[in-house]
């Protein structure tokens, strides 16, 4: 009887220890970052009809917190165009290849109020002739009026990254130092983002 009792005690202790380890395993902290003046140039050829827009996209990784040159990008910028690293090719000149399974959801709310990623069916990927984040004035993130690109307030973009993590992003400005008075200041993105480094965790606060 004594041997059986000791064996049961040992098994119970192992189960308790295992549960305790699972409950106390810390997750990596959610990161809140502001990116200022990320340059996203483009080349425009207006001698052709319709005009041809070309040039390398500026690829950005939420995990790295900076622009990248490899295939580990999450979103890519060129002028007012924004791509995600998932889906198929849209058909753009100099479009980067997609190596991930990223997607994007548009949430109409304030940045602070978006505390978790939405359901999977709210996300979209790029495809032939289609942007996950629609392009054009009034269609996605900006309006164009009197020669100025202005962000649409109340638009939060939740991105499922190329490797299955979640981030939310809010564009603040399209102009260097938020100064649209100088033409050369265009195509410099400033945006806030929150990134959750824990794969599959939808918490964004």
N, C-alpha and C. Protein backbone atom coordinates (compact mmCIF):
# COMPACT_ATOMS: atom_id res chain seq x y z
N UNK A 1 0.83 -1.21 0.00
CA UNK A 1 0.00 0.00 0.00
C UNK A 1 0.86 1.25 0.00
N UNK A 2 1.95 1.21 0.76
CA UNK A 2 2.83 2.35 0.85
C UNK A 2 3.44 2.68 -0.50
N UNK A 3 3.84 1.64 -1.27
CA UNK A 3 4.44 1.84 -2.58
C UNK A 3 3.46 2.46 -3.57
N UNK A 4 2.20 1.98 -3.53
CA UNK A 4 1.15 2.52 -4.42
C UNK A 4 0.89 3.98 -4.11
N UNK A 5 0.83 4.33 -2.81
CA UNK A 5 0.57 5.70 -2.38
C UNK A 5 1.66 6.65 -2.87
N UNK A 6 2.92 6.20 -2.74
CA UNK A 6 4.04 7.03 -3.19
C UNK A 6 4.00 7.24 -4.71
N UNK A 7 3.63 6.18 -5.45
CA UNK A 7 3.54 6.28 -6.91
C UNK A 7 2.47 7.27 -7.33
N UNK A 8 1.28 7.19 -6.70
CA UNK A 8 0.21 8.14 -7.00
C UNK A 8 0.61 9.57 -6.68
N UNK A 9 1.35 9.75 -5.60
CA UNK A 9 1.80 11.08 -5.21
C UNK A 9 2.76 11.65 -6.26
N UNK A 10 3.65 10.80 -6.77
CA UNK A 10 4.62 11.24 -7.77
C UNK A 10 3.93 11.66 -9.06
N UNK A 11 2.92 10.86 -9.48
CA UNK A 11 2.17 11.19 -10.71
C UNK A 11 1.44 12.51 -10.56
N UNK A 12 0.79 12.70 -9.38
CA UNK A 12 0.06 13.94 -9.11
C UNK A 12 0.99 15.14 -9.15
N UNK A 13 2.19 14.97 -8.56
CA UNK A 13 3.16 16.06 -8.55
C UNK A 13 3.62 16.42 -9.96
N UNK A 14 3.80 15.40 -10.80
CA UNK A 14 4.23 15.66 -12.18
C UNK A 14 3.17 16.42 -12.96
N UNK A 15 1.90 16.04 -12.77
CA UNK A 15 0.79 16.71 -13.46
C UNK A 15 0.70 18.16 -13.01
N UNK A 16 0.82 18.38 -11.71
CA UNK A 16 0.73 19.73 -11.16
C UNK A 16 1.86 20.60 -11.68
N UNK A 17 3.07 20.03 -11.70
CA UNK A 17 4.23 20.78 -12.19
C UNK A 17 4.07 21.14 -13.66
N UNK A 18 3.57 20.18 -14.46
CA UNK A 18 3.36 20.43 -15.88
C UNK A 18 2.37 21.55 -16.10
N UNK A 19 1.24 21.51 -15.37
CA UNK A 19 0.22 22.56 -15.51
C UNK A 19 0.77 23.90 -15.09
N UNK A 20 1.55 23.91 -14.01
CA UNK A 20 2.11 25.16 -13.51
C UNK A 20 3.06 25.77 -14.53
N UNK A 21 3.87 24.91 -15.17
CA UNK A 21 4.80 25.41 -16.18
C UNK A 21 4.07 26.04 -17.35
N UNK A 22 2.95 25.41 -17.80
CA UNK A 22 2.18 25.95 -18.91
C UNK A 22 1.55 27.28 -18.56
N UNK A 23 1.05 27.39 -17.34
CA UNK A 23 0.35 28.60 -16.93
C UNK A 23 1.30 29.77 -16.72
N UNK A 24 2.54 29.49 -16.35
CA UNK A 24 3.46 30.57 -16.03
C UNK A 24 4.42 30.89 -17.18
N UNK A 25 4.32 30.14 -18.29
CA UNK A 25 5.20 30.42 -19.42
C UNK A 25 4.88 31.81 -19.98
N UNK A 26 5.82 32.75 -19.89
CA UNK A 26 5.53 34.12 -20.34
C UNK A 26 5.52 34.22 -21.86
N UNK A 27 4.67 35.09 -22.39
CA UNK A 27 4.66 35.37 -23.82
C UNK A 27 5.53 36.59 -24.06
N UNK A 28 5.99 36.74 -25.30
CA UNK A 28 6.78 37.92 -25.64
C UNK A 28 5.89 39.15 -25.63
N UNK A 29 6.41 40.29 -25.20
CA UNK A 29 5.58 41.50 -25.10
C UNK A 29 5.17 42.04 -26.45
N UNK A 30 3.97 42.60 -26.51
CA UNK A 30 3.48 43.27 -27.71
C UNK A 30 4.27 44.58 -27.88
N UNK A 31 4.66 44.87 -29.12
CA UNK A 31 5.51 46.02 -29.40
C UNK A 31 4.70 47.15 -30.04
N UNK A 32 4.92 48.37 -29.56
CA UNK A 32 4.29 49.56 -30.12
C UNK A 32 5.38 50.47 -30.69
N UNK A 33 5.28 50.78 -31.99
CA UNK A 33 6.38 51.47 -32.69
C UNK A 33 5.81 52.56 -33.60
N UNK A 34 6.57 53.65 -33.76
CA UNK A 34 6.28 54.67 -34.77
C UNK A 34 7.42 54.68 -35.78
N UNK A 35 7.07 54.55 -37.05
CA UNK A 35 8.04 54.64 -38.14
C UNK A 35 7.87 56.01 -38.79
N UNK A 36 8.97 56.74 -38.91
CA UNK A 36 8.92 58.09 -39.47
C UNK A 36 9.67 58.18 -40.80
N UNK A 37 9.02 58.78 -41.77
CA UNK A 37 9.65 59.13 -43.05
C UNK A 37 10.24 57.93 -43.79
N UNK A 38 9.46 56.87 -43.89
CA UNK A 38 9.87 55.71 -44.70
C UNK A 38 9.65 56.05 -46.16
N UNK A 39 10.72 56.09 -46.92
CA UNK A 39 10.66 56.56 -48.31
C UNK A 39 10.17 55.46 -49.24
N UNK A 40 9.18 55.78 -50.06
CA UNK A 40 8.58 54.82 -51.00
C UNK A 40 8.49 55.45 -52.38
N UNK A 41 9.63 55.63 -53.06
CA UNK A 41 9.63 56.34 -54.36
C UNK A 41 9.01 55.51 -55.47
N UNK A 42 8.69 56.18 -56.56
CA UNK A 42 8.21 55.52 -57.76
C UNK A 42 8.67 56.31 -58.97
N UNK A 43 8.63 55.66 -60.12
CA UNK A 43 8.97 56.31 -61.39
C UNK A 43 7.71 56.36 -62.24
N UNK A 44 7.35 57.54 -62.73
CA UNK A 44 6.11 57.71 -63.49
C UNK A 44 6.44 58.12 -64.93
N UNK A 45 5.94 57.35 -65.88
CA UNK A 45 6.14 57.65 -67.30
C UNK A 45 4.80 58.06 -67.90
N UNK A 46 4.62 59.38 -68.05
CA UNK A 46 3.36 59.90 -68.56
C UNK A 46 3.35 60.04 -70.09
N UNK A 47 4.41 59.58 -70.73
CA UNK A 47 4.42 59.61 -72.20
C UNK A 47 3.60 58.46 -72.76
N UNK A 48 3.25 57.52 -71.91
CA UNK A 48 2.43 56.39 -72.33
C UNK A 48 1.00 56.56 -71.81
N UNK A 49 0.06 55.95 -72.52
CA UNK A 49 -1.34 56.04 -72.13
C UNK A 49 -1.93 54.63 -72.02
N UNK A 50 -2.29 54.19 -70.80
CA UNK A 50 -2.18 54.94 -69.54
C UNK A 50 -0.74 55.05 -69.06
N UNK A 51 -0.46 55.99 -68.15
CA UNK A 51 0.90 56.15 -67.63
C UNK A 51 1.42 54.86 -66.99
N UNK A 52 2.71 54.64 -67.10
CA UNK A 52 3.34 53.45 -66.52
C UNK A 52 4.06 53.84 -65.24
N UNK A 53 3.70 53.19 -64.14
CA UNK A 53 4.35 53.41 -62.86
C UNK A 53 5.30 52.25 -62.60
N UNK A 54 6.55 52.56 -62.27
CA UNK A 54 7.54 51.51 -62.06
C UNK A 54 8.44 51.88 -60.89
N UNK A 55 9.42 51.02 -60.66
CA UNK A 55 10.37 51.25 -59.57
C UNK A 55 10.22 50.20 -58.49
N UNK A 56 11.30 49.95 -57.78
CA UNK A 56 11.32 48.95 -56.72
C UNK A 56 10.45 49.36 -55.55
N UNK A 57 9.71 48.42 -55.01
CA UNK A 57 8.90 48.67 -53.81
C UNK A 57 9.79 48.69 -52.57
N UNK A 58 9.40 49.51 -51.60
CA UNK A 58 10.05 49.51 -50.29
C UNK A 58 9.37 48.47 -49.43
N UNK A 59 10.09 47.40 -49.11
CA UNK A 59 9.51 46.27 -48.37
C UNK A 59 9.78 46.45 -46.87
N UNK A 60 8.74 46.19 -46.06
CA UNK A 60 8.83 46.44 -44.61
C UNK A 60 8.46 45.19 -43.83
N UNK A 61 9.21 44.94 -42.75
CA UNK A 61 8.96 43.80 -41.87
C UNK A 61 8.57 44.31 -40.49
N UNK A 62 7.41 43.91 -40.00
CA UNK A 62 7.01 44.28 -38.63
C UNK A 62 7.90 43.59 -37.60
N UNK A 63 8.31 42.39 -37.89
CA UNK A 63 9.19 41.64 -36.97
C UNK A 63 10.52 42.36 -36.78
N UNK A 64 11.09 42.83 -37.90
CA UNK A 64 12.38 43.51 -37.83
C UNK A 64 12.23 44.99 -37.46
N UNK A 65 11.07 45.55 -37.73
CA UNK A 65 10.84 46.96 -37.42
C UNK A 65 11.53 47.92 -38.37
N UNK A 66 11.78 47.45 -39.59
CA UNK A 66 12.50 48.28 -40.56
C UNK A 66 12.25 47.74 -41.97
N UNK A 67 12.74 48.47 -42.97
CA UNK A 67 12.67 47.99 -44.34
C UNK A 67 13.66 46.85 -44.53
N UNK A 68 13.33 45.94 -45.43
CA UNK A 68 14.17 44.77 -45.69
C UNK A 68 14.34 44.61 -47.20
N UNK A 69 15.36 43.88 -47.57
CA UNK A 69 15.63 43.67 -49.00
C UNK A 69 15.33 42.24 -49.44
N UNK A 70 15.14 41.33 -48.48
CA UNK A 70 14.90 39.94 -48.82
C UNK A 70 13.43 39.62 -49.01
N UNK A 71 13.10 38.35 -48.83
CA UNK A 71 11.72 37.89 -49.04
C UNK A 71 10.90 37.89 -47.75
N UNK A 72 11.49 38.34 -46.64
CA UNK A 72 10.82 38.29 -45.34
C UNK A 72 10.04 39.57 -45.06
N UNK A 73 9.38 40.13 -46.08
CA UNK A 73 8.62 41.36 -45.90
C UNK A 73 7.15 41.04 -45.62
N UNK A 74 6.48 42.00 -44.97
CA UNK A 74 5.06 41.86 -44.65
C UNK A 74 4.19 42.76 -45.52
N UNK A 75 4.60 44.01 -45.67
CA UNK A 75 3.93 44.95 -46.56
C UNK A 75 4.98 45.68 -47.38
N UNK A 76 4.57 46.19 -48.53
CA UNK A 76 5.50 46.90 -49.41
C UNK A 76 4.84 48.16 -49.94
N UNK A 77 5.63 49.24 -50.03
CA UNK A 77 5.13 50.55 -50.42
C UNK A 77 5.80 51.01 -51.71
N UNK A 78 5.03 51.62 -52.59
CA UNK A 78 5.55 52.37 -53.72
C UNK A 78 4.56 53.46 -54.05
N UNK A 79 4.97 54.71 -53.85
CA UNK A 79 4.01 55.79 -53.97
C UNK A 79 2.85 55.54 -53.02
N UNK A 80 1.63 55.63 -53.52
CA UNK A 80 0.46 55.39 -52.68
C UNK A 80 0.02 53.93 -52.65
N UNK A 81 0.72 53.06 -53.38
CA UNK A 81 0.38 51.64 -53.40
C UNK A 81 0.95 50.92 -52.19
N UNK A 82 0.15 50.02 -51.61
CA UNK A 82 0.60 49.18 -50.51
C UNK A 82 0.21 47.74 -50.81
N UNK A 83 1.19 46.84 -50.78
CA UNK A 83 0.98 45.42 -51.04
C UNK A 83 1.16 44.61 -49.77
N UNK A 84 0.62 43.39 -49.77
CA UNK A 84 0.86 42.45 -48.68
C UNK A 84 1.59 41.23 -49.23
N UNK A 85 2.37 40.59 -48.36
CA UNK A 85 3.14 39.42 -48.79
C UNK A 85 2.29 38.16 -48.66
N UNK A 86 1.32 38.07 -49.53
CA UNK A 86 0.43 36.92 -49.56
C UNK A 86 -0.53 37.04 -50.72
N UNK A 87 -0.97 35.91 -51.26
CA UNK A 87 -1.87 35.93 -52.39
C UNK A 87 -1.11 35.79 -53.69
N UNK A 88 -1.61 36.46 -54.74
CA UNK A 88 -1.00 36.35 -56.05
C UNK A 88 -0.50 37.69 -56.55
N UNK A 89 0.09 37.67 -57.71
CA UNK A 89 0.63 38.89 -58.31
C UNK A 89 -0.52 39.74 -58.86
N UNK A 90 -0.46 41.04 -58.62
CA UNK A 90 -1.47 41.96 -59.12
C UNK A 90 -1.28 42.22 -60.60
N UNK A 91 -0.02 42.28 -61.02
CA UNK A 91 0.30 42.58 -62.42
C UNK A 91 0.97 43.92 -62.58
N UNK A 92 1.69 44.38 -61.56
CA UNK A 92 2.36 45.67 -61.58
C UNK A 92 3.79 45.54 -62.09
N UNK A 93 4.29 46.59 -62.70
CA UNK A 93 5.70 46.63 -63.10
C UNK A 93 6.58 46.62 -61.85
N UNK A 94 7.61 45.79 -61.84
CA UNK A 94 8.57 45.69 -60.73
C UNK A 94 7.93 45.22 -59.42
N UNK A 95 6.84 44.49 -59.54
CA UNK A 95 6.15 43.98 -58.34
C UNK A 95 6.98 42.90 -57.66
N UNK A 96 7.13 42.93 -56.33
CA UNK A 96 7.93 41.90 -55.65
C UNK A 96 7.19 40.57 -55.59
N UNK A 97 7.96 39.49 -55.61
CA UNK A 97 7.39 38.16 -55.44
C UNK A 97 6.90 37.98 -54.02
N UNK A 98 5.85 37.18 -53.87
CA UNK A 98 5.30 36.90 -52.55
C UNK A 98 5.75 35.52 -52.07
N UNK A 99 6.38 35.52 -50.92
CA UNK A 99 6.90 34.27 -50.36
C UNK A 99 6.12 33.84 -49.12
N UNK A 100 5.19 34.68 -48.64
CA UNK A 100 4.46 34.38 -47.41
C UNK A 100 2.99 34.16 -47.66
N UNK A 101 2.24 34.08 -46.58
CA UNK A 101 0.79 33.89 -46.63
C UNK A 101 0.10 35.03 -45.90
N UNK A 102 0.64 36.23 -46.06
CA UNK A 102 0.09 37.40 -45.38
C UNK A 102 -1.25 37.83 -45.94
N UNK A 103 -1.96 38.63 -45.16
CA UNK A 103 -3.26 39.17 -45.58
C UNK A 103 -3.53 40.43 -44.77
N UNK A 104 -4.61 41.13 -45.13
CA UNK A 104 -4.90 42.43 -44.52
C UNK A 104 -6.40 42.61 -44.33
N UNK A 105 -6.77 43.20 -43.20
CA UNK A 105 -8.16 43.54 -42.91
C UNK A 105 -8.25 45.04 -42.61
N UNK A 106 -9.31 45.67 -43.07
CA UNK A 106 -9.55 47.09 -42.81
C UNK A 106 -10.60 47.21 -41.72
N UNK A 107 -10.25 47.93 -40.65
CA UNK A 107 -11.18 48.12 -39.53
C UNK A 107 -11.49 49.61 -39.43
N UNK A 108 -12.76 49.95 -39.44
CA UNK A 108 -13.17 51.36 -39.32
C UNK A 108 -13.36 51.71 -37.85
N UNK A 109 -12.31 52.22 -37.25
CA UNK A 109 -12.33 52.54 -35.82
C UNK A 109 -11.08 53.36 -35.51
N UNK A 110 -10.93 53.75 -34.26
CA UNK A 110 -9.71 54.42 -33.85
C UNK A 110 -8.63 53.38 -33.60
N UNK A 111 -7.39 53.82 -33.68
CA UNK A 111 -6.26 52.91 -33.49
C UNK A 111 -6.30 52.28 -32.09
N UNK A 112 -6.61 53.07 -31.08
CA UNK A 112 -6.63 52.57 -29.71
C UNK A 112 -7.73 51.55 -29.48
N UNK A 113 -8.84 51.70 -30.20
CA UNK A 113 -9.98 50.80 -29.98
C UNK A 113 -9.79 49.42 -30.60
N UNK A 114 -8.86 49.27 -31.52
CA UNK A 114 -8.62 47.97 -32.14
C UNK A 114 -7.66 47.20 -31.24
N UNK A 115 -8.23 46.33 -30.40
CA UNK A 115 -7.42 45.65 -29.38
C UNK A 115 -7.11 44.20 -29.75
N UNK A 116 -7.74 43.69 -30.82
CA UNK A 116 -7.41 42.36 -31.28
C UNK A 116 -7.73 42.24 -32.76
N UNK A 117 -7.08 41.28 -33.41
CA UNK A 117 -7.31 41.06 -34.84
C UNK A 117 -8.72 40.54 -35.07
N UNK A 118 -9.36 40.93 -36.17
CA UNK A 118 -10.71 40.46 -36.48
C UNK A 118 -10.71 39.00 -36.93
N UNK A 119 -11.90 38.51 -37.25
CA UNK A 119 -12.04 37.11 -37.68
C UNK A 119 -11.37 36.91 -39.03
N UNK A 120 -11.02 35.67 -39.33
CA UNK A 120 -10.23 35.35 -40.53
C UNK A 120 -10.91 35.79 -41.82
N UNK A 121 -12.24 35.72 -41.87
CA UNK A 121 -12.94 36.04 -43.10
C UNK A 121 -12.90 37.54 -43.43
N UNK A 122 -12.45 38.37 -42.50
CA UNK A 122 -12.32 39.80 -42.76
C UNK A 122 -11.03 40.14 -43.50
N UNK A 123 -10.13 39.18 -43.60
CA UNK A 123 -8.84 39.43 -44.22
C UNK A 123 -8.89 39.14 -45.72
N UNK A 124 -8.06 39.88 -46.47
CA UNK A 124 -7.96 39.69 -47.91
C UNK A 124 -6.50 39.66 -48.32
N UNK A 125 -6.24 39.06 -49.48
CA UNK A 125 -4.91 39.02 -50.05
C UNK A 125 -4.91 39.70 -51.41
N UNK A 126 -3.73 40.06 -51.87
CA UNK A 126 -3.60 40.59 -53.22
C UNK A 126 -3.90 39.48 -54.24
N UNK A 127 -4.38 39.89 -55.38
CA UNK A 127 -4.67 38.94 -56.46
C UNK A 127 -4.57 39.70 -57.78
N UNK A 128 -4.71 39.00 -58.88
CA UNK A 128 -4.60 39.62 -60.19
C UNK A 128 -5.57 40.79 -60.33
N UNK A 129 -5.02 41.99 -60.49
CA UNK A 129 -5.84 43.19 -60.66
C UNK A 129 -6.52 43.68 -59.40
N UNK A 130 -6.20 43.08 -58.23
CA UNK A 130 -6.90 43.42 -56.99
C UNK A 130 -5.91 43.63 -55.85
N UNK A 131 -6.08 44.75 -55.13
CA UNK A 131 -5.28 45.03 -53.96
C UNK A 131 -6.03 44.60 -52.69
N UNK A 132 -5.33 43.98 -51.73
CA UNK A 132 -5.93 43.71 -50.43
C UNK A 132 -6.31 45.02 -49.76
N UNK A 133 -5.46 46.02 -49.91
CA UNK A 133 -5.77 47.39 -49.48
C UNK A 133 -6.05 48.19 -50.75
N UNK A 134 -7.33 48.46 -51.05
CA UNK A 134 -7.69 49.08 -52.33
C UNK A 134 -6.89 50.35 -52.61
N UNK A 135 -6.56 50.52 -53.89
CA UNK A 135 -5.74 51.65 -54.32
C UNK A 135 -6.61 52.70 -55.00
N UNK A 136 -6.22 53.96 -54.85
CA UNK A 136 -6.95 55.05 -55.49
C UNK A 136 -7.60 55.97 -54.46
N UNK A 137 -7.79 57.21 -54.85
CA UNK A 137 -8.36 58.20 -53.95
C UNK A 137 -9.75 57.78 -53.47
N UNK A 138 -9.92 57.76 -52.16
CA UNK A 138 -11.20 57.42 -51.55
C UNK A 138 -11.50 55.94 -51.47
N UNK A 139 -10.59 55.11 -51.99
CA UNK A 139 -10.85 53.67 -52.03
C UNK A 139 -10.23 52.89 -50.87
N UNK A 140 -9.12 53.38 -50.36
CA UNK A 140 -8.40 52.62 -49.34
C UNK A 140 -7.99 53.45 -48.15
N UNK A 141 -6.78 54.01 -48.22
CA UNK A 141 -6.26 54.74 -47.06
C UNK A 141 -6.16 56.24 -47.25
N UNK A 142 -6.37 56.75 -48.48
CA UNK A 142 -6.12 58.17 -48.71
C UNK A 142 -7.15 58.79 -49.64
N UNK A 143 -7.14 60.14 -49.64
CA UNK A 143 -7.86 60.92 -50.64
C UNK A 143 -6.86 61.86 -51.31
N UNK A 144 -7.15 62.22 -52.55
CA UNK A 144 -6.29 63.14 -53.30
C UNK A 144 -7.13 64.34 -53.70
N UNK A 145 -6.71 65.51 -53.22
CA UNK A 145 -7.47 66.72 -53.51
C UNK A 145 -6.52 67.91 -53.51
N UNK A 146 -6.65 68.75 -54.54
CA UNK A 146 -5.82 69.95 -54.68
C UNK A 146 -4.32 69.61 -54.60
N UNK A 147 -3.96 68.48 -55.19
CA UNK A 147 -2.55 68.12 -55.25
C UNK A 147 -1.97 67.54 -53.99
N UNK A 148 -2.81 67.24 -53.00
CA UNK A 148 -2.32 66.74 -51.71
C UNK A 148 -2.94 65.38 -51.39
N UNK A 149 -2.10 64.45 -50.96
CA UNK A 149 -2.55 63.15 -50.47
C UNK A 149 -2.83 63.25 -48.98
N UNK A 150 -4.05 62.95 -48.58
CA UNK A 150 -4.42 63.01 -47.16
C UNK A 150 -4.95 61.66 -46.71
N UNK A 151 -4.53 61.22 -45.56
CA UNK A 151 -5.01 59.95 -45.03
C UNK A 151 -6.49 60.04 -44.69
N UNK A 152 -7.19 58.94 -44.77
CA UNK A 152 -8.59 58.87 -44.35
C UNK A 152 -8.60 58.50 -42.87
N UNK A 153 -9.13 59.38 -42.05
CA UNK A 153 -9.16 59.13 -40.61
C UNK A 153 -10.06 57.94 -40.29
N UNK A 154 -9.76 57.25 -39.20
CA UNK A 154 -10.60 56.15 -38.75
C UNK A 154 -10.40 54.86 -39.53
N UNK A 155 -9.27 54.73 -40.21
CA UNK A 155 -8.94 53.51 -40.94
C UNK A 155 -7.75 52.84 -40.26
N UNK A 156 -7.98 51.66 -39.73
CA UNK A 156 -6.91 50.88 -39.11
C UNK A 156 -6.71 49.62 -39.94
N UNK A 157 -5.47 49.31 -40.24
CA UNK A 157 -5.16 48.15 -41.07
C UNK A 157 -4.52 47.08 -40.19
N UNK A 158 -5.18 45.93 -40.13
CA UNK A 158 -4.66 44.80 -39.37
C UNK A 158 -4.03 43.84 -40.37
N UNK A 159 -2.77 43.53 -40.13
CA UNK A 159 -2.03 42.68 -41.06
C UNK A 159 -1.70 41.36 -40.40
N UNK A 160 -2.02 40.27 -41.09
CA UNK A 160 -1.48 38.97 -40.71
C UNK A 160 -0.18 38.84 -41.46
N UNK A 161 0.91 38.76 -40.73
CA UNK A 161 2.22 38.82 -41.35
C UNK A 161 2.54 37.56 -42.13
N UNK A 162 3.64 37.59 -42.84
CA UNK A 162 4.03 36.48 -43.70
C UNK A 162 4.23 35.18 -42.93
N UNK A 163 4.54 35.28 -41.62
CA UNK A 163 4.78 34.08 -40.84
C UNK A 163 3.74 33.85 -39.75
N UNK A 164 2.55 34.48 -39.88
CA UNK A 164 1.42 34.13 -39.03
C UNK A 164 1.24 34.96 -37.78
N UNK A 165 1.95 36.06 -37.65
CA UNK A 165 1.73 36.96 -36.52
C UNK A 165 0.76 38.08 -36.93
N UNK A 166 0.37 38.91 -35.96
CA UNK A 166 -0.58 39.97 -36.25
C UNK A 166 0.00 41.33 -35.87
N UNK A 167 -0.36 42.33 -36.67
CA UNK A 167 0.02 43.71 -36.41
C UNK A 167 -1.13 44.62 -36.82
N UNK A 168 -1.22 45.77 -36.18
CA UNK A 168 -2.17 46.79 -36.63
C UNK A 168 -1.36 48.03 -36.98
N UNK A 169 -1.85 48.78 -37.96
CA UNK A 169 -1.12 49.94 -38.47
C UNK A 169 -2.08 51.09 -38.75
N UNK A 170 -1.63 52.29 -38.44
CA UNK A 170 -2.38 53.50 -38.76
C UNK A 170 -1.44 54.49 -39.43
N UNK A 171 -1.75 54.86 -40.66
CA UNK A 171 -0.91 55.81 -41.40
C UNK A 171 -1.19 57.22 -40.89
N UNK A 172 -0.13 57.96 -40.60
CA UNK A 172 -0.27 59.31 -40.07
C UNK A 172 0.00 60.37 -41.12
N UNK A 173 0.96 60.10 -42.01
CA UNK A 173 1.32 61.11 -43.01
C UNK A 173 1.99 60.47 -44.21
N UNK A 174 1.85 61.13 -45.36
CA UNK A 174 2.48 60.70 -46.61
C UNK A 174 3.63 61.64 -46.99
N UNK A 175 3.92 62.59 -46.11
CA UNK A 175 4.90 63.62 -46.43
C UNK A 175 6.00 63.68 -45.38
N UNK A 176 7.21 63.92 -45.84
CA UNK A 176 8.35 64.02 -44.94
C UNK A 176 8.10 65.08 -43.88
N UNK A 177 8.26 64.67 -42.63
CA UNK A 177 8.02 65.54 -41.48
C UNK A 177 6.61 66.14 -41.50
N UNK A 178 5.68 65.43 -42.16
CA UNK A 178 4.28 65.85 -42.23
C UNK A 178 4.13 67.25 -42.84
N UNK A 179 4.93 67.53 -43.86
CA UNK A 179 4.91 68.84 -44.50
C UNK A 179 4.61 68.69 -45.99
N UNK A 180 3.34 68.84 -46.39
CA UNK A 180 2.97 68.69 -47.80
C UNK A 180 3.22 69.93 -48.64
N UNK A 181 3.75 70.98 -48.03
CA UNK A 181 3.94 72.23 -48.77
C UNK A 181 5.09 72.15 -49.77
N UNK A 182 5.98 71.18 -49.58
CA UNK A 182 7.11 70.99 -50.49
C UNK A 182 6.87 69.73 -51.30
N UNK A 183 6.86 69.86 -52.61
CA UNK A 183 6.51 68.74 -53.48
C UNK A 183 7.43 67.53 -53.26
N UNK A 184 8.71 67.79 -53.05
CA UNK A 184 9.68 66.71 -52.88
C UNK A 184 9.48 65.93 -51.58
N UNK A 185 8.63 66.41 -50.70
CA UNK A 185 8.37 65.72 -49.43
C UNK A 185 7.41 64.55 -49.58
N UNK A 186 6.81 64.39 -50.76
CA UNK A 186 5.83 63.31 -50.96
C UNK A 186 6.52 61.94 -50.93
N UNK A 187 5.72 60.92 -50.62
CA UNK A 187 6.13 59.51 -50.61
C UNK A 187 7.02 59.15 -49.44
N UNK A 188 6.89 59.88 -48.36
CA UNK A 188 7.57 59.53 -47.10
C UNK A 188 6.49 59.17 -46.07
N UNK A 189 6.39 57.90 -45.77
CA UNK A 189 5.34 57.42 -44.86
C UNK A 189 5.75 57.55 -43.40
N UNK A 190 4.83 58.05 -42.61
CA UNK A 190 4.94 57.96 -41.15
C UNK A 190 3.71 57.20 -40.66
N UNK A 191 3.94 56.15 -39.86
CA UNK A 191 2.82 55.36 -39.37
C UNK A 191 3.13 54.76 -38.01
N UNK A 192 2.05 54.54 -37.26
CA UNK A 192 2.14 53.82 -35.99
C UNK A 192 1.78 52.37 -36.23
N UNK A 193 2.43 51.46 -35.49
CA UNK A 193 1.99 50.07 -35.55
C UNK A 193 2.21 49.39 -34.21
N UNK A 194 1.39 48.38 -33.98
CA UNK A 194 1.54 47.48 -32.84
C UNK A 194 1.71 46.09 -33.38
N UNK A 195 2.73 45.38 -32.91
CA UNK A 195 3.07 44.05 -33.43
C UNK A 195 3.10 43.04 -32.30
N UNK A 196 2.40 41.93 -32.51
CA UNK A 196 2.40 40.83 -31.54
C UNK A 196 3.32 39.73 -32.05
N UNK A 197 4.46 39.50 -31.38
CA UNK A 197 5.42 38.51 -31.86
C UNK A 197 5.06 37.06 -31.57
N UNK A 198 3.91 36.85 -30.91
CA UNK A 198 3.49 35.49 -30.55
C UNK A 198 2.56 34.94 -31.63
N UNK A 199 3.04 33.98 -32.38
CA UNK A 199 2.34 33.46 -33.54
C UNK A 199 0.93 32.99 -33.19
N UNK A 200 -0.06 33.51 -33.92
CA UNK A 200 -1.45 33.12 -33.74
C UNK A 200 -2.19 33.89 -32.69
N UNK A 201 -1.49 34.67 -31.88
CA UNK A 201 -2.13 35.47 -30.82
C UNK A 201 -2.68 36.75 -31.43
N UNK A 202 -3.98 36.99 -31.29
CA UNK A 202 -4.64 38.13 -31.93
C UNK A 202 -4.65 39.40 -31.07
N UNK A 203 -4.07 39.33 -29.89
CA UNK A 203 -4.05 40.51 -29.01
C UNK A 203 -3.21 41.61 -29.65
N UNK A 204 -3.76 42.85 -29.66
CA UNK A 204 -3.07 43.98 -30.26
C UNK A 204 -3.05 45.19 -29.33
N UNK A 205 -2.89 44.93 -28.05
CA UNK A 205 -2.79 46.02 -27.09
C UNK A 205 -1.75 45.71 -26.01
